[in-house]
Amino acid sequence: MVPRKPREERINEITQATIDVFLEKGYENTTMDAIARRAGMSKGGLYHYFSSKDMVLISANDKISEKVEDLMKAALECDSVREGILYYIENYICYWLEHPRETAFLFLSIAKILEKPELLTYYQEYTADYRSFLEAIFTRGVEMGEFKPHPVRTSALTLMAALDGILSYMIFDNTLNLEEVLQDFEEKFIKPIEK
């Protein structure tokens, strides 16, 4: 008898298979059978982990978002809030640029999530967590005296939108230099609120 793989290892294999198949075939043409074959398991085995193609899609997004959660934690652990925000901005941009398959999968997922109201809850939870993190870090900056009192919700929303927007531009426009973009973000989001 072949020993069973640990659950986490199996989930990682399913995640990679999901990304591969969705990017190759698109959402509509992807089947649970195709994901199972790519993951090297039976369709029944895949159903043991996930009840539907949509649940596999959400799980794969959760898995690739774990790195972003790690970046949030690391940013909050920085001694300086300013440095924590700059750390997050740089590493968030770098993560998605250095993982083009995951980035393409995220964009594909967002398009599908917007079409299916039952999946929209997932993206709403993700954006709420993202916004809460940024609001918390800007609030901490004010409380620690690094930043002037300001509308932290506005700072969080505009930084969130700018980060997600710049990713698209950096993918399509190779004249955008990471170093310059980071300086622009510091100039726009940090310097105006510093004490």
C-alpha atoms as a PDB file:
ATOM      1  CA  MET A   1       0.000   0.000   0.000  1.00  0.00           C
ATOM      2  CA  VAL A   2       1.266   3.483  -0.917  1.00  0.00           C
ATOM      3  CA  PRO A   3       1.499   5.756   2.124  1.00  0.00           C
ATOM      4  CA  ARG A   4      -0.868   8.728   2.112  1.00  0.00           C
ATOM      5  CA  LYS A   5       0.649  12.146   1.677  1.00  0.00           C
ATOM      6  CA  PRO A   6       0.159  14.696   4.451  1.00  0.00           C
ATOM      7  CA  ARG A   7      -2.928  16.856   3.919  1.00  0.00           C
ATOM      8  CA  GLU A   8      -0.926  20.083   3.527  1.00  0.00           C
ATOM      9  CA  GLU A   9       1.291  18.530   0.852  1.00  0.00           C
ATOM     10  CA  ARG A  10      -1.788  17.259  -0.992  1.00  0.00           C
ATOM     11  CA  ILE A  11      -3.445  20.692  -0.832  1.00  0.00           C
ATOM     12  CA  ASN A  12      -0.274  22.286  -2.255  1.00  0.00           C
ATOM     13  CA  GLU A  13      -0.311  19.817  -5.157  1.00  0.00           C
ATOM     14  CA  ILE A  14      -3.989  20.515  -5.801  1.00  0.00           C
ATOM     15  CA  THR A  15      -3.313  24.266  -5.683  1.00  0.00           C
ATOM     16  CA  GLN A  16      -0.556  24.025  -8.296  1.00  0.00           C
ATOM     17  CA  ALA A  17      -2.696  21.747 -10.470  1.00  0.00           C
ATOM     18  CA  THR A  18      -5.617  24.158 -10.168  1.00  0.00           C
ATOM     19  CA  ILE A  19      -3.516  27.140 -11.227  1.00  0.00           C
ATOM     20  CA  ASP A  20      -2.067  25.202 -14.174  1.00  0.00           C
ATOM     21  CA  VAL A  21      -5.403  23.884 -15.448  1.00  0.00           C
ATOM     22  CA  PHE A  22      -7.339  27.133 -14.996  1.00  0.00           C
ATOM     23  CA  LEU A  23      -4.641  29.102 -16.828  1.00  0.00           C
ATOM     24  CA  GLU A  24      -4.458  26.559 -19.660  1.00  0.00           C
ATOM     25  CA  LYS A  25      -8.179  25.934 -20.136  1.00  0.00           C
ATOM     26  CA  GLY A  26      -9.941  28.924 -18.592  1.00  0.00           C
ATOM     27  CA  TYR A  27     -12.641  28.668 -15.957  1.00  0.00           C
ATOM     28  CA  GLU A  28     -15.430  27.356 -18.160  1.00  0.00           C
ATOM     29  CA  ASN A  29     -13.354  24.534 -19.678  1.00  0.00           C
ATOM     30  CA  THR A  30     -11.780  23.400 -16.421  1.00  0.00           C
ATOM     31  CA  THR A  31     -13.254  20.288 -14.854  1.00  0.00           C
ATOM     32  CA  MET A  32     -12.707  18.588 -11.537  1.00  0.00           C
ATOM     33  CA  ASP A  33     -11.467  15.586 -13.504  1.00  0.00           C
ATOM     34  CA  ALA A  34      -8.770  17.701 -15.237  1.00  0.00           C
ATOM     35  CA  ILE A  35      -7.623  19.160 -11.905  1.00  0.00           C
ATOM     36  CA  ALA A  36      -7.535  15.686 -10.319  1.00  0.00           C
ATOM     37  CA  ARG A  37      -5.496  14.238 -13.216  1.00  0.00           C
ATOM     38  CA  ARG A  38      -3.009  17.127 -13.055  1.00  0.00           C
ATOM     39  CA  ALA A  39      -2.694  16.662  -9.287  1.00  0.00           C
ATOM     40  CA  GLY A  40      -2.056  12.947  -9.781  1.00  0.00           C
ATOM     41  CA  MET A  41      -5.157  11.767  -7.953  1.00  0.00           C
ATOM     42  CA  SER A  42      -8.596  10.365  -8.673  1.00  0.00           C
ATOM     43  CA  LYS A  43     -11.609  12.600  -9.150  1.00  0.00           C
ATOM     44  CA  GLY A  44     -13.112  10.996  -6.037  1.00  0.00           C
ATOM     45  CA  GLY A  45      -9.927  11.821  -4.145  1.00  0.00           C
ATOM     46  CA  LEU A  46     -10.249  15.479  -5.190  1.00  0.00           C
ATOM     47  CA  TYR A  47     -13.879  15.502  -4.011  1.00  0.00           C
ATOM     48  CA  HIS A  48     -12.594  14.282  -0.654  1.00  0.00           C
ATOM     49  CA  TYR A  49     -10.886  17.682  -0.320  1.00  0.00           C
ATOM     50  CA  PHE A  50     -13.233  19.962  -2.284  1.00  0.00           C
ATOM     51  CA  SER A  51     -16.930  19.811  -3.097  1.00  0.00           C
ATOM     52  CA  SER A  52     -16.792  21.820  -6.344  1.00  0.00           C
ATOM     53  CA  LYS A  53     -14.668  23.634  -8.890  1.00  0.00           C
ATOM     54  CA  ASP A  54     -15.565  26.921  -7.194  1.00  0.00           C
ATOM     55  CA  MET A  55     -14.281  25.659  -3.846  1.00  0.00           C
ATOM     56  CA  VAL A  56     -11.003  24.610  -5.497  1.00  0.00           C
ATOM     57  CA  LEU A  57     -10.746  28.097  -7.043  1.00  0.00           C
ATOM     58  CA  ILE A  58     -11.255  29.747  -3.651  1.00  0.00           C
ATOM     59  CA  SER A  59      -8.821  27.400  -1.930  1.00  0.00           C
ATOM     60  CA  ALA A  60      -6.128  28.081  -4.520  1.00  0.00           C
ATOM     61  CA  ASN A  61      -6.618  31.816  -3.998  1.00  0.00           C
ATOM     62  CA  ASP A  62      -6.357  31.339  -0.241  1.00  0.00           C
ATOM     63  CA  LYS A  63      -3.144  29.394  -0.696  1.00  0.00           C
ATOM     64  CA  ILE A  64      -1.443  31.986  -2.906  1.00  0.00           C
ATOM     65  CA  SER A  65      -2.640  34.756  -0.590  1.00  0.00           C
ATOM     66  CA  GLU A  66      -0.815  33.198   2.380  1.00  0.00           C
ATOM     67  CA  LYS A  67       2.395  34.934   1.261  1.00  0.00           C
ATOM     68  CA  VAL A  68       0.596  38.295   1.352  1.00  0.00           C
ATOM     69  CA  GLU A  69      -0.589  37.512   4.890  1.00  0.00           C
ATOM     70  CA  ASP A  70       3.022  36.738   5.837  1.00  0.00           C
ATOM     71  CA  LEU A  71       4.053  40.136   4.447  1.00  0.00           C
ATOM     72  CA  MET A  72       1.358  41.823   6.551  1.00  0.00           C
ATOM     73  CA  LYS A  73       2.613  40.116   9.704  1.00  0.00           C
ATOM     74  CA  ALA A  74       6.216  41.047   8.943  1.00  0.00           C
ATOM     75  CA  ALA A  75       5.233  44.675   8.281  1.00  0.00           C
ATOM     76  CA  LEU A  76       3.464  44.869  11.637  1.00  0.00           C
ATOM     77  CA  GLU A  77       6.564  43.497  13.385  1.00  0.00           C
ATOM     78  CA  CYS A  78       8.841  46.291  12.122  1.00  0.00           C
ATOM     79  CA  ASP A  79       9.964  48.710  14.847  1.00  0.00           C
ATOM     80  CA  SER A  80       9.131  51.691  12.651  1.00  0.00           C
ATOM     81  CA  VAL A  81       5.646  51.914  11.168  1.00  0.00           C
ATOM     82  CA  ARG A  82       7.053  53.891   8.259  1.00  0.00           C
ATOM     83  CA  GLU A  83       9.535  51.123   7.514  1.00  0.00           C
ATOM     84  CA  GLY A  84       6.813  48.504   7.937  1.00  0.00           C
ATOM     85  CA  ILE A  85       4.618  50.171   5.320  1.00  0.00           C
ATOM     86  CA  LEU A  86       7.538  50.607   2.920  1.00  0.00           C
ATOM     87  CA  TYR A  87       8.537  46.972   3.499  1.00  0.00           C
ATOM     88  CA  TYR A  88       4.999  45.864   2.701  1.00  0.00           C
ATOM     89  CA  ILE A  89       4.711  48.007  -0.432  1.00  0.00           C
ATOM     90  CA  GLU A  90       7.994  46.757  -1.881  1.00  0.00           C
ATOM     91  CA  ASN A  91       7.470  43.107  -1.052  1.00  0.00           C
ATOM     92  CA  TYR A  92       3.817  43.084  -2.123  1.00  0.00           C
ATOM     93  CA  ILE A  93       4.737  44.433  -5.561  1.00  0.00           C
ATOM     94  CA  CYS A  94       7.755  42.122  -5.854  1.00  0.00           C
ATOM     95  CA  TYR A  95       5.793  39.039  -4.838  1.00  0.00           C
ATOM     96  CA  TRP A  96       3.190  39.442  -7.567  1.00  0.00           C
ATOM     97  CA  LEU A  97       5.723  40.498 -10.222  1.00  0.00           C
ATOM     98  CA  GLU A  98       7.971  37.534  -9.396  1.00  0.00           C
ATOM     99  CA  HIS A  99       5.039  35.082  -9.517  1.00  0.00           C
ATOM    100  CA  PRO A 100       3.380  35.780 -12.883  1.00  0.00           C
ATOM    101  CA  ARG A 101       1.373  32.529 -12.939  1.00  0.00           C
ATOM    102  CA  GLU A 102      -0.146  33.297  -9.550  1.00  0.00           C
ATOM    103  CA  THR A 103      -0.826  36.887 -10.665  1.00  0.00           C
ATOM    104  CA  ALA A 104      -2.543  35.703 -13.845  1.00  0.00           C
ATOM    105  CA  PHE A 105      -4.551  33.211 -11.783  1.00  0.00           C
ATOM    106  CA  LEU A 106      -5.592  35.976  -9.381  1.00  0.00           C
ATOM    107  CA  PHE A 107      -6.811  38.153 -12.257  1.00  0.00           C
ATOM    108  CA  LEU A 108      -8.664  35.185 -13.799  1.00  0.00           C
ATOM    109  CA  SER A 109     -10.226  34.451 -10.408  1.00  0.00           C
ATOM    110  CA  ILE A 110     -11.352  38.036  -9.865  1.00  0.00           C
ATOM    111  CA  ALA A 111     -13.078  38.051 -13.255  1.00  0.00           C
ATOM    112  CA  LYS A 112     -14.910  34.835 -12.383  1.00  0.00           C
ATOM    113  CA  ILE A 113     -15.714  35.900  -8.817  1.00  0.00           C
ATOM    114  CA  LEU A 114     -17.366  39.073 -10.109  1.00  0.00           C
ATOM    115  CA  GLU A 115     -19.627  36.963 -12.356  1.00  0.00           C
ATOM    116  CA  LYS A 116     -20.726  34.612  -9.582  1.00  0.00           C
ATOM    117  CA  PRO A 117     -22.385  36.242  -6.576  1.00  0.00           C
ATOM    118  CA  GLU A 118     -21.826  33.140  -4.425  1.00  0.00           C
ATOM    119  CA  LEU A 119     -18.064  33.616  -4.869  1.00  0.00           C
ATOM    120  CA  LEU A 120     -18.148  37.372  -4.298  1.00  0.00           C
ATOM    121  CA  THR A 121     -18.233  36.858  -0.518  1.00  0.00           C
ATOM    122  CA  TYR A 122     -14.727  35.410  -0.691  1.00  0.00           C
ATOM    123  CA  TYR A 123     -13.288  38.475  -2.408  1.00  0.00           C
ATOM    124  CA  GLN A 124     -15.200  40.811  -0.070  1.00  0.00           C
ATOM    125  CA  GLU A 125     -13.625  39.072   2.941  1.00  0.00           C
ATOM    126  CA  TYR A 126     -10.166  39.319   1.374  1.00  0.00           C
ATOM    127  CA  THR A 127     -10.511  43.046   0.668  1.00  0.00           C
ATOM    128  CA  ALA A 128     -11.940  43.686   4.148  1.00  0.00           C
ATOM    129  CA  ASP A 129      -8.919  41.951   5.723  1.00  0.00           C
ATOM    130  CA  TYR A 130      -6.542  43.856   3.444  1.00  0.00           C
ATOM    131  CA  ARG A 131      -8.178  47.197   4.289  1.00  0.00           C
ATOM    132  CA  SER A 132      -8.205  46.364   8.030  1.00  0.00           C
ATOM    133  CA  PHE A 133      -4.486  45.622   7.947  1.00  0.00           C
ATOM    134  CA  LEU A 134      -3.687  48.941   6.261  1.00  0.00           C
ATOM    135  CA  GLU A 135      -6.022  50.889   8.556  1.00  0.00           C
ATOM    136  CA  ALA A 136      -4.377  49.240  11.575  1.00  0.00           C
ATOM    137  CA  ILE A 137      -0.857  50.039  10.457  1.00  0.00           C
ATOM    138  CA  PHE A 138      -1.697  53.697   9.675  1.00  0.00           C
ATOM    139  CA  THR A 139      -3.504  53.961  13.040  1.00  0.00           C
ATOM    140  CA  ARG A 140      -0.448  52.521  14.779  1.00  0.00           C
ATOM    141  CA  GLY A 141       1.691  55.157  13.052  1.00  0.00           C
ATOM    142  CA  VAL A 142      -0.527  57.910  14.440  1.00  0.00           C
ATOM    143  CA  GLU A 143      -0.567  56.349  17.933  1.00  0.00           C
ATOM    144  CA  MET A 144       3.227  55.980  17.976  1.00  0.00           C
ATOM    145  CA  GLY A 145       3.678  59.586  16.904  1.00  0.00           C
ATOM    146  CA  GLU A 146       5.312  58.751  13.570  1.00  0.00           C
ATOM    147  CA  PHE A 147       2.347  60.082  11.570  1.00  0.00           C
ATOM    148  CA  LYS A 148       0.147  63.125  11.924  1.00  0.00           C
ATOM    149  CA  PRO A 149      -3.500  62.440  12.731  1.00  0.00           C
ATOM    150  CA  HIS A 150      -5.231  61.880   9.415  1.00  0.00           C
ATOM    151  CA  PRO A 151      -8.115  59.861   7.968  1.00  0.00           C
ATOM    152  CA  VAL A 152      -6.537  56.395   8.146  1.00  0.00           C
ATOM    153  CA  ARG A 153      -9.408  54.799   6.238  1.00  0.00           C
ATOM    154  CA  THR A 154      -8.670  57.095   3.289  1.00  0.00           C
ATOM    155  CA  SER A 155      -4.964  56.277   3.474  1.00  0.00           C
ATOM    156  CA  ALA A 156      -5.738  52.555   3.580  1.00  0.00           C
ATOM    157  CA  LEU A 157      -8.178  52.604   0.660  1.00  0.00           C
ATOM    158  CA  THR A 158      -6.034  54.747  -1.600  1.00  0.00           C
ATOM    159  CA  LEU A 159      -2.862  52.761  -0.878  1.00  0.00           C
ATOM    160  CA  MET A 160      -4.732  49.500  -1.461  1.00  0.00           C
ATOM    161  CA  ALA A 161      -6.097  50.738  -4.797  1.00  0.00           C
ATOM    162  CA  ALA A 162      -2.751  52.170  -5.859  1.00  0.00           C
ATOM    163  CA  LEU A 163      -0.880  48.942  -5.082  1.00  0.00           C
ATOM    164  CA  ASP A 164      -3.294  46.756  -7.003  1.00  0.00           C
ATOM    165  CA  GLY A 165      -3.379  49.254  -9.854  1.00  0.00           C
ATOM    166  CA  ILE A 166       0.392  49.619 -10.182  1.00  0.00           C
ATOM    167  CA  LEU A 167       0.733  45.858 -10.551  1.00  0.00           C
ATOM    168  CA  SER A 168      -1.221  45.947 -13.793  1.00  0.00           C
ATOM    169  CA  TYR A 169       0.774  48.882 -15.092  1.00  0.00           C
ATOM    170  CA  MET A 170       4.102  47.281 -14.183  1.00  0.00           C
ATOM    171  CA  ILE A 171       3.095  44.068 -15.938  1.00  0.00           C
ATOM    172  CA  PHE A 172       2.194  45.927 -19.138  1.00  0.00           C
ATOM    173  CA  ASP A 173       4.787  48.705 -19.087  1.00  0.00           C
ATOM    174  CA  ASN A 174       8.388  47.576 -18.716  1.00  0.00           C
ATOM    175  CA  THR A 175       9.572  51.193 -18.502  1.00  0.00           C
ATOM    176  CA  LEU A 176       8.214  51.392 -14.955  1.00  0.00           C
ATOM    177  CA  ASN A 177      11.151  50.890 -12.632  1.00  0.00           C
ATOM    178  CA  LEU A 178      10.535  49.326  -9.214  1.00  0.00           C
ATOM    179  CA  GLU A 179      12.929  51.715  -7.462  1.00  0.00           C
ATOM    180  CA  GLU A 180      11.157  54.763  -8.906  1.00  0.00           C
ATOM    181  CA  VAL A 181       7.720  53.342  -8.159  1.00  0.00           C
ATOM    182  CA  LEU A 182       8.741  52.763  -4.541  1.00  0.00           C
ATOM    183  CA  GLN A 183       9.989  56.360  -4.306  1.00  0.00           C
ATOM    184  CA  ASP A 184       6.698  57.582  -5.792  1.00  0.00           C
ATOM    185  CA  PHE A 185       4.695  55.572  -3.253  1.00  0.00           C
ATOM    186  CA  GLU A 186       6.804  56.917  -0.387  1.00  0.00           C
ATOM    187  CA  GLU A 187       6.361  60.466  -1.693  1.00  0.00           C
ATOM    188  CA  LYS A 188       2.595  60.081  -2.020  1.00  0.00           C
ATOM    189  CA  PHE A 189       1.617  57.876   0.924  1.00  0.00           C
ATOM    190  CA  ILE A 190       4.258  58.364   3.642  1.00  0.00           C
ATOM    191  CA  LYS A 191       5.887  61.799   3.489  1.00  0.00           C
ATOM    192  CA  PRO A 192       2.658  63.872   3.593  1.00  0.00           C
ATOM    193  CA  ILE A 193       1.603  62.267   6.896  1.00  0.00           C
ATOM    194  CA  GLU A 194       4.994  62.077   8.640  1.00  0.00           C
ATOM    195  CA  LYS A 195       5.521  64.237  11.704  1.00  0.00           C
END
